[in-house]
Amino acid sequence: MNLFFNPLKAFRRCKELECRIARKEEMSRLCEEKAKLLKNGIRCDQEQLDKLRIKIAKKTKRK
C-alpha cells in the first residue's frame, strides 16, 4: 500500500485523462466530418472547421 497516496492528485490525474480521451474523440469525429464534406466536394475553410469543432464539442460534452 502506498503511504503517500494523495486522493486529490489521483482525482486530477483522472480528470486529465478524461479530457485527453475526449479530445481524441473530438479529433477523430472532426476528421470524419471533414472527410464527409470533402467526399461531397465541399471544401472546408477555417470558419466551417470552427463550427464543426463547436458542434462536436457539444456532443462529447468535454469539460
N, C-alpha and C. Protein backbone atom coordinates (compact mmCIF):
# COMPACT_ATOMS: atom_id res chain seq x y z
N MET A 1 0.84 -1.19 0.00
CA MET A 1 0.00 0.00 0.00
C MET A 1 0.89 1.25 0.00
N ASN A 2 0.50 2.21 -0.77
CA ASN A 2 1.26 3.45 -0.87
C ASN A 2 0.86 4.38 0.28
N LEU A 3 1.80 4.69 1.15
CA LEU A 3 1.51 5.55 2.29
C LEU A 3 1.39 7.01 1.89
N PHE A 4 1.88 7.34 0.70
CA PHE A 4 1.86 8.73 0.25
C PHE A 4 0.79 8.97 -0.81
N PHE A 5 -0.25 8.15 -0.81
CA PHE A 5 -1.33 8.30 -1.78
C PHE A 5 -2.07 9.61 -1.53
N ASN A 6 -2.20 10.39 -2.58
CA ASN A 6 -2.89 11.68 -2.47
C ASN A 6 -4.16 11.62 -3.32
N PRO A 7 -5.33 11.57 -2.69
CA PRO A 7 -6.58 11.46 -3.44
C PRO A 7 -6.81 12.63 -4.39
N LEU A 8 -6.38 13.82 -4.01
CA LEU A 8 -6.58 14.99 -4.86
C LEU A 8 -5.77 14.87 -6.14
N LYS A 9 -4.52 14.41 -6.01
CA LYS A 9 -3.68 14.21 -7.19
C LYS A 9 -4.28 13.13 -8.09
N ALA A 10 -4.78 12.08 -7.48
CA ALA A 10 -5.38 10.99 -8.25
C ALA A 10 -6.60 11.49 -9.01
N PHE A 11 -7.41 12.31 -8.35
CA PHE A 11 -8.61 12.88 -8.99
C PHE A 11 -8.21 13.76 -10.17
N ARG A 12 -7.22 14.62 -9.97
CA ARG A 12 -6.76 15.50 -11.05
C ARG A 12 -6.23 14.69 -12.23
N ARG A 13 -5.48 13.65 -11.93
CA ARG A 13 -4.93 12.78 -12.98
C ARG A 13 -6.06 12.12 -13.78
N CYS A 14 -7.07 11.68 -13.07
CA CYS A 14 -8.21 11.04 -13.71
C CYS A 14 -8.93 12.03 -14.63
N LYS A 15 -9.14 13.24 -14.15
CA LYS A 15 -9.80 14.28 -14.96
C LYS A 15 -8.96 14.61 -16.19
N GLU A 16 -7.65 14.68 -16.00
CA GLU A 16 -6.74 14.97 -17.11
C GLU A 16 -6.85 13.88 -18.18
N LEU A 17 -6.89 12.62 -17.76
CA LEU A 17 -7.02 11.51 -18.70
C LEU A 17 -8.37 11.56 -19.42
N GLU A 18 -9.43 11.89 -18.68
CA GLU A 18 -10.76 12.01 -19.29
C GLU A 18 -10.75 13.08 -20.38
N CYS A 19 -10.10 14.20 -20.10
CA CYS A 19 -10.02 15.29 -21.09
C CYS A 19 -9.23 14.84 -22.32
N ARG A 20 -8.14 14.12 -22.11
CA ARG A 20 -7.35 13.63 -23.24
C ARG A 20 -8.18 12.71 -24.13
N ILE A 21 -8.92 11.80 -23.50
CA ILE A 21 -9.76 10.87 -24.26
C ILE A 21 -10.83 11.63 -25.02
N ALA A 22 -11.45 12.61 -24.37
CA ALA A 22 -12.49 13.42 -25.02
C ALA A 22 -11.91 14.18 -26.21
N ARG A 23 -10.71 14.72 -26.05
CA ARG A 23 -10.07 15.45 -27.16
C ARG A 23 -9.79 14.53 -28.34
N LYS A 24 -9.33 13.30 -28.04
CA LYS A 24 -9.06 12.34 -29.11
C LYS A 24 -10.35 11.99 -29.84
N GLU A 25 -11.43 11.80 -29.08
CA GLU A 25 -12.74 11.53 -29.69
C GLU A 25 -13.14 12.68 -30.59
N GLU A 26 -12.99 13.89 -30.09
CA GLU A 26 -13.36 15.08 -30.88
C GLU A 26 -12.55 15.15 -32.16
N MET A 27 -11.26 14.89 -32.08
CA MET A 27 -10.42 14.97 -33.27
C MET A 27 -10.80 13.91 -34.30
N SER A 28 -11.11 12.70 -33.83
CA SER A 28 -11.49 11.66 -34.78
C SER A 28 -12.83 11.98 -35.42
N ARG A 29 -13.76 12.51 -34.64
CA ARG A 29 -15.06 12.91 -35.20
C ARG A 29 -14.90 14.06 -36.17
N LEU A 30 -14.02 14.99 -35.83
CA LEU A 30 -13.78 16.13 -36.72
C LEU A 30 -13.21 15.63 -38.06
N CYS A 31 -12.30 14.68 -37.99
CA CYS A 31 -11.73 14.12 -39.23
C CYS A 31 -12.80 13.42 -40.05
N GLU A 32 -13.70 12.70 -39.37
CA GLU A 32 -14.79 12.02 -40.08
C GLU A 32 -15.68 13.02 -40.79
N GLU A 33 -16.07 14.08 -40.07
CA GLU A 33 -16.94 15.11 -40.66
C GLU A 33 -16.25 15.80 -41.83
N LYS A 34 -14.98 16.08 -41.66
CA LYS A 34 -14.21 16.74 -42.71
C LYS A 34 -14.14 15.84 -43.96
N ALA A 35 -13.95 14.54 -43.73
CA ALA A 35 -13.89 13.59 -44.84
C ALA A 35 -15.22 13.53 -45.58
N LYS A 36 -16.33 13.58 -44.82
CA LYS A 36 -17.66 13.58 -45.45
C LYS A 36 -17.83 14.79 -46.35
N LEU A 37 -17.43 15.95 -45.84
CA LEU A 37 -17.55 17.18 -46.64
C LEU A 37 -16.70 17.10 -47.90
N LEU A 38 -15.47 16.63 -47.75
CA LEU A 38 -14.58 16.52 -48.92
C LEU A 38 -15.11 15.51 -49.93
N LYS A 39 -15.72 14.43 -49.43
CA LYS A 39 -16.29 13.41 -50.30
C LYS A 39 -17.42 13.99 -51.14
N ASN A 40 -18.18 14.91 -50.53
CA ASN A 40 -19.29 15.55 -51.23
C ASN A 40 -18.83 16.72 -52.09
N GLY A 41 -17.53 16.95 -52.12
CA GLY A 41 -16.98 18.01 -52.97
C GLY A 41 -17.02 19.39 -52.33
N ILE A 42 -17.22 19.44 -51.03
CA ILE A 42 -17.27 20.72 -50.32
C ILE A 42 -15.92 20.97 -49.66
N ARG A 43 -15.32 22.08 -49.97
CA ARG A 43 -14.04 22.45 -49.35
C ARG A 43 -14.29 23.04 -47.96
N CYS A 44 -13.40 22.74 -47.02
CA CYS A 44 -13.53 23.24 -45.65
C CYS A 44 -12.65 24.47 -45.46
N ASP A 45 -13.28 25.58 -45.12
CA ASP A 45 -12.48 26.73 -44.73
C ASP A 45 -12.42 26.76 -43.20
N GLN A 46 -11.67 27.68 -42.66
CA GLN A 46 -11.46 27.73 -41.21
C GLN A 46 -12.76 27.95 -40.45
N GLU A 47 -13.65 28.75 -41.00
CA GLU A 47 -14.93 29.03 -40.33
C GLU A 47 -15.77 27.76 -40.20
N GLN A 48 -15.81 26.97 -41.26
CA GLN A 48 -16.57 25.71 -41.22
C GLN A 48 -15.95 24.75 -40.21
N LEU A 49 -14.64 24.68 -40.17
CA LEU A 49 -13.97 23.81 -39.21
C LEU A 49 -14.27 24.22 -37.78
N ASP A 50 -14.29 25.52 -37.52
CA ASP A 50 -14.62 26.02 -36.18
C ASP A 50 -16.04 25.62 -35.79
N LYS A 51 -16.97 25.75 -36.74
CA LYS A 51 -18.36 25.36 -36.47
C LYS A 51 -18.46 23.87 -36.17
N LEU A 52 -17.73 23.07 -36.93
CA LEU A 52 -17.72 21.62 -36.70
C LEU A 52 -17.14 21.30 -35.32
N ARG A 53 -16.06 21.98 -34.95
CA ARG A 53 -15.44 21.75 -33.63
C ARG A 53 -16.43 22.03 -32.51
N ILE A 54 -17.15 23.14 -32.63
CA ILE A 54 -18.13 23.51 -31.60
C ILE A 54 -19.23 22.46 -31.52
N LYS A 55 -19.72 22.06 -32.69
CA LYS A 55 -20.79 21.06 -32.75
C LYS A 55 -20.35 19.74 -32.11
N ILE A 56 -19.15 19.32 -32.42
CA ILE A 56 -18.63 18.05 -31.90
C ILE A 56 -18.34 18.17 -30.40
N ALA A 57 -17.83 19.31 -29.96
CA ALA A 57 -17.54 19.51 -28.54
C ALA A 57 -18.83 19.44 -27.72
N LYS A 58 -19.92 19.96 -28.27
CA LYS A 58 -21.20 19.89 -27.57
C LYS A 58 -21.67 18.44 -27.46
N LYS A 59 -21.42 17.65 -28.52
CA LYS A 59 -21.82 16.25 -28.50
C LYS A 59 -21.04 15.46 -27.46
N THR A 60 -19.73 15.69 -27.38
CA THR A 60 -18.91 14.93 -26.44
C THR A 60 -18.97 15.51 -25.03
N LYS A 61 -19.42 16.74 -24.90
CA LYS A 61 -19.59 17.41 -23.60
C LYS A 61 -18.31 17.42 -22.79
N ARG A 62 -17.22 17.84 -23.41
CA ARG A 62 -15.94 17.94 -22.70
C ARG A 62 -16.01 19.10 -21.72
N LYS A 63 -15.44 18.88 -20.54
CA LYS A 63 -15.47 19.93 -19.51
C LYS A 63 -14.08 20.43 -19.26
